[in-house]
C-alpha atoms as a PDB file:
ATOM      1  CA  MET A   1      66.920  74.467 -35.588  1.00  0.00           C
ATOM      2  CA  THR A   2      69.067  72.335 -33.324  1.00  0.00           C
ATOM      3  CA  LEU A   3      70.665  68.972 -33.811  1.00  0.00           C
ATOM      4  CA  PRO A   4      68.325  66.494 -32.109  1.00  0.00           C
ATOM      5  CA  HIS A   5      71.137  64.614 -30.379  1.00  0.00           C
ATOM      6  CA  LEU A   6      72.487  67.832 -28.856  1.00  0.00           C
ATOM      7  CA  GLY A   7      69.425  69.878 -27.911  1.00  0.00           C
ATOM      8  CA  HIS A   8      67.182  68.464 -25.199  1.00  0.00           C
ATOM      9  CA  PRO A   9      64.360  70.876 -24.334  1.00  0.00           C
ATOM     10  CA  GLY A  10      64.245  71.569 -20.621  1.00  0.00           C
ATOM     11  CA  ARG A  11      67.464  69.636 -19.999  1.00  0.00           C
ATOM     12  CA  ASN A  12      70.168  71.756 -21.604  1.00  0.00           C
ATOM     13  CA  GLY A  13      68.135  74.552 -23.162  1.00  0.00           C
ATOM     14  CA  TYR A  14      64.868  75.361 -24.828  1.00  0.00           C
ATOM     15  CA  LEU A  15      63.530  75.203 -28.346  1.00  0.00           C
ATOM     16  CA  VAL A  16      61.447  78.061 -29.657  1.00  0.00           C
ATOM     17  CA  PRO A  17      59.689  78.254 -33.002  1.00  0.00           C
ATOM     18  CA  PRO A  18      61.767  80.049 -35.658  1.00  0.00           C
ATOM     19  CA  GLY A  19      60.941  83.762 -35.715  1.00  0.00           C
ATOM     20  CA  ASP A  20      58.912  83.689 -32.475  1.00  0.00           C
ATOM     21  CA  VAL A  21      60.612  86.585 -30.713  1.00  0.00           C
ATOM     22  CA  ARG A  22      58.096  86.546 -27.859  1.00  0.00           C
ATOM     23  CA  ALA A  23      58.718  82.863 -27.083  1.00  0.00           C
ATOM     24  CA  LEU A  24      62.480  83.476 -27.130  1.00  0.00           C
ATOM     25  CA  ALA A  25      62.133  86.471 -24.809  1.00  0.00           C
ATOM     26  CA  ASP A  26      59.947  84.450 -22.432  1.00  0.00           C
ATOM     27  CA  ARG A  27      62.513  81.649 -22.229  1.00  0.00           C
ATOM     28  CA  VAL A  28      65.382  84.095 -21.666  1.00  0.00           C
ATOM     29  CA  MET A  29      63.416  85.762 -18.873  1.00  0.00           C
ATOM     30  CA  GLU A  30      62.725  82.353 -17.285  1.00  0.00           C
ATOM     31  CA  LEU A  31      66.448  81.642 -17.226  1.00  0.00           C
ATOM     32  CA  LEU A  32      67.304  85.086 -15.887  1.00  0.00           C
ATOM     33  CA  ASP A  33      64.892  84.483 -13.005  1.00  0.00           C
ATOM     34  CA  ASP A  34      66.111  80.948 -12.222  1.00  0.00           C
ATOM     35  CA  PRO A  35      69.827  80.582 -11.393  1.00  0.00           C
ATOM     36  CA  ALA A  36      69.370  76.899 -10.464  1.00  0.00           C
ATOM     37  CA  ALA A  37      67.918  76.123 -13.908  1.00  0.00           C
ATOM     38  CA  ARG A  38      70.787  77.976 -15.597  1.00  0.00           C
ATOM     39  CA  ARG A  39      73.316  75.990 -13.577  1.00  0.00           C
ATOM     40  CA  ARG A  40      71.526  72.666 -14.212  1.00  0.00           C
ATOM     41  CA  MET A  41      71.243  73.324 -17.950  1.00  0.00           C
ATOM     42  CA  GLY A  42      74.858  74.450 -18.150  1.00  0.00           C
ATOM     43  CA  GLU A  43      76.027  71.250 -16.474  1.00  0.00           C
ATOM     44  CA  ALA A  44      73.868  69.139 -18.805  1.00  0.00           C
ATOM     45  CA  GLY A  45      75.239  70.997 -21.823  1.00  0.00           C
ATOM     46  CA  ARG A  46      78.841  70.435 -20.731  1.00  0.00           C
ATOM     47  CA  GLU A  47      78.086  66.729 -20.190  1.00  0.00           C
ATOM     48  CA  ILE A  48      76.691  66.409 -23.726  1.00  0.00           C
ATOM     49  CA  VAL A  49      79.625  68.310 -25.262  1.00  0.00           C
ATOM     50  CA  THR A  50      82.185  65.945 -23.735  1.00  0.00           C
ATOM     51  CA  GLU A  51      80.675  63.161 -25.859  1.00  0.00           C
ATOM     52  CA  HIS A  52      81.678  65.120 -28.978  1.00  0.00           C
ATOM     53  CA  ASP A  53      85.430  65.399 -28.448  1.00  0.00           C
ATOM     54  CA  ILE A  54      87.206  65.976 -31.783  1.00  0.00           C
ATOM     55  CA  HIS A  55      89.251  62.777 -31.509  1.00  0.00           C
ATOM     56  CA  ARG A  56      86.170  60.678 -30.792  1.00  0.00           C
ATOM     57  CA  THR A  57      84.267  62.377 -33.613  1.00  0.00           C
ATOM     58  CA  LEU A  58      87.070  61.777 -36.124  1.00  0.00           C
ATOM     59  CA  ALA A  59      87.401  58.139 -35.024  1.00  0.00           C
ATOM     60  CA  THR A  60      83.668  57.702 -35.506  1.00  0.00           C
ATOM     61  CA  PHE A  61      83.739  59.127 -39.037  1.00  0.00           C
ATOM     62  CA  GLU A  62      86.746  57.016 -39.945  1.00  0.00           C
ATOM     63  CA  ALA A  63      85.033  53.870 -38.641  1.00  0.00           C
ATOM     64  CA  LEU A  64      81.823  54.736 -40.505  1.00  0.00           C
ATOM     65  CA  TYR A  65      83.690  55.193 -43.787  1.00  0.00           C
ATOM     66  CA  LEU A  66      85.616  51.945 -43.272  1.00  0.00           C
ATOM     67  CA  HIS A  67      82.364  50.177 -42.421  1.00  0.00           C
ATOM     68  CA  ALA A  68      80.671  51.596 -45.547  1.00  0.00           C
ATOM     69  CA  ALA A  69      83.647  50.433 -47.626  1.00  0.00           C
ATOM     70  CA  GLY A  70      83.274  46.921 -46.220  1.00  0.00           C
ATOM     71  CA  HIS A  71      86.550  46.937 -44.296  1.00  0.00           C
ATOM     72  CA  PRO A  72      86.413  43.845 -42.019  1.00  0.00           C
ATOM     73  CA  ALA A  73      87.934  45.498 -38.914  1.00  0.00           C
ATOM     74  CA  ALA A  74      85.418  48.357 -39.036  1.00  0.00           C
ATOM     75  CA  LYS A  75      82.548  46.102 -37.976  1.00  0.00           C
ATOM     76  CA  THR A  76      83.980  45.772 -34.467  1.00  0.00           C
ATOM     77  CA  THR A  77      85.657  49.154 -34.009  1.00  0.00           C
ATOM     78  CA  LEU A  78      82.815  51.644 -34.304  1.00  0.00           C
ATOM     79  CA  PRO A  79      83.373  53.915 -31.272  1.00  0.00           C
ATOM     80  CA  LEU A  80      79.758  55.096 -31.177  1.00  0.00           C
ATOM     81  CA  PRO A  81      76.539  53.334 -32.075  1.00  0.00           C
ATOM     82  CA  LEU A  82      75.136  54.059 -35.497  1.00  0.00           C
ATOM     83  CA  PRO A  83      72.132  56.441 -35.496  1.00  0.00           C
ATOM     84  CA  THR A  84      69.040  54.782 -34.132  1.00  0.00           C
ATOM     85  CA  SER A  85      65.358  55.131 -34.734  1.00  0.00           C
ATOM     86  CA  ALA A  86      65.203  56.961 -31.364  1.00  0.00           C
ATOM     87  CA  MET A  87      67.383  59.741 -32.797  1.00  0.00           C
ATOM     88  CA  GLU A  88      65.255  59.835 -35.927  1.00  0.00           C
ATOM     89  CA  SER A  89      62.097  60.013 -33.842  1.00  0.00           C
ATOM     90  CA  GLU A  90      63.571  62.861 -31.745  1.00  0.00           C
ATOM     91  CA  HIS A  91      64.367  64.719 -34.965  1.00  0.00           C
ATOM     92  CA  ASP A  92      60.832  64.113 -36.287  1.00  0.00           C
ATOM     93  CA  GLU A  93      59.385  65.432 -33.016  1.00  0.00           C
ATOM     94  CA  TYR A  94      61.457  68.609 -33.286  1.00  0.00           C
ATOM     95  CA  ALA A  95      60.526  69.036 -36.937  1.00  0.00           C
ATOM     96  CA  ALA A  96      56.853  68.757 -36.074  1.00  0.00           C
ATOM     97  CA  ARG A  97      57.138  71.301 -33.220  1.00  0.00           C
ATOM     98  CA  SER A  98      59.094  73.766 -35.319  1.00  0.00           C
ATOM     99  CA  GLY A  99      56.833  73.529 -38.363  1.00  0.00           C
ATOM    100  CA  ARG A 100      59.670  72.155 -40.525  1.00  0.00           C
ATOM    101  CA  ARG A 101      57.953  68.920 -41.459  1.00  0.00           C
END
C-alpha cells in the first residue's frame, strides 16, 4: 500500500495489487524497456519528495497541534493545507483498486 498523497500511478510509479507477482514483474519489465518513463517518473518522484522536507513536515505537525489546541496564532500559520476530500477520495480509489476496502 502507498500513501495516496505520495504515490501517483503512472506519474511517479505504479500500483500493483498486493501479492500479484505477475503484475509487479510486468510493471518492472515496462520500466526496464522504457528509459524515458523511468526518467520522467524519477523526476516526478523527486518533485513530490521536496514537498516533504523534514523542517516543513515538523512545522506542519506543530501548527496542527497548536490549531487543535485552539492556539490563536495557529489559525494563520499552517504551512500546508489541511487534508482535503480530494486526498480522501484518492485514498478511497486506491483502497478499492487494492481490495483493501
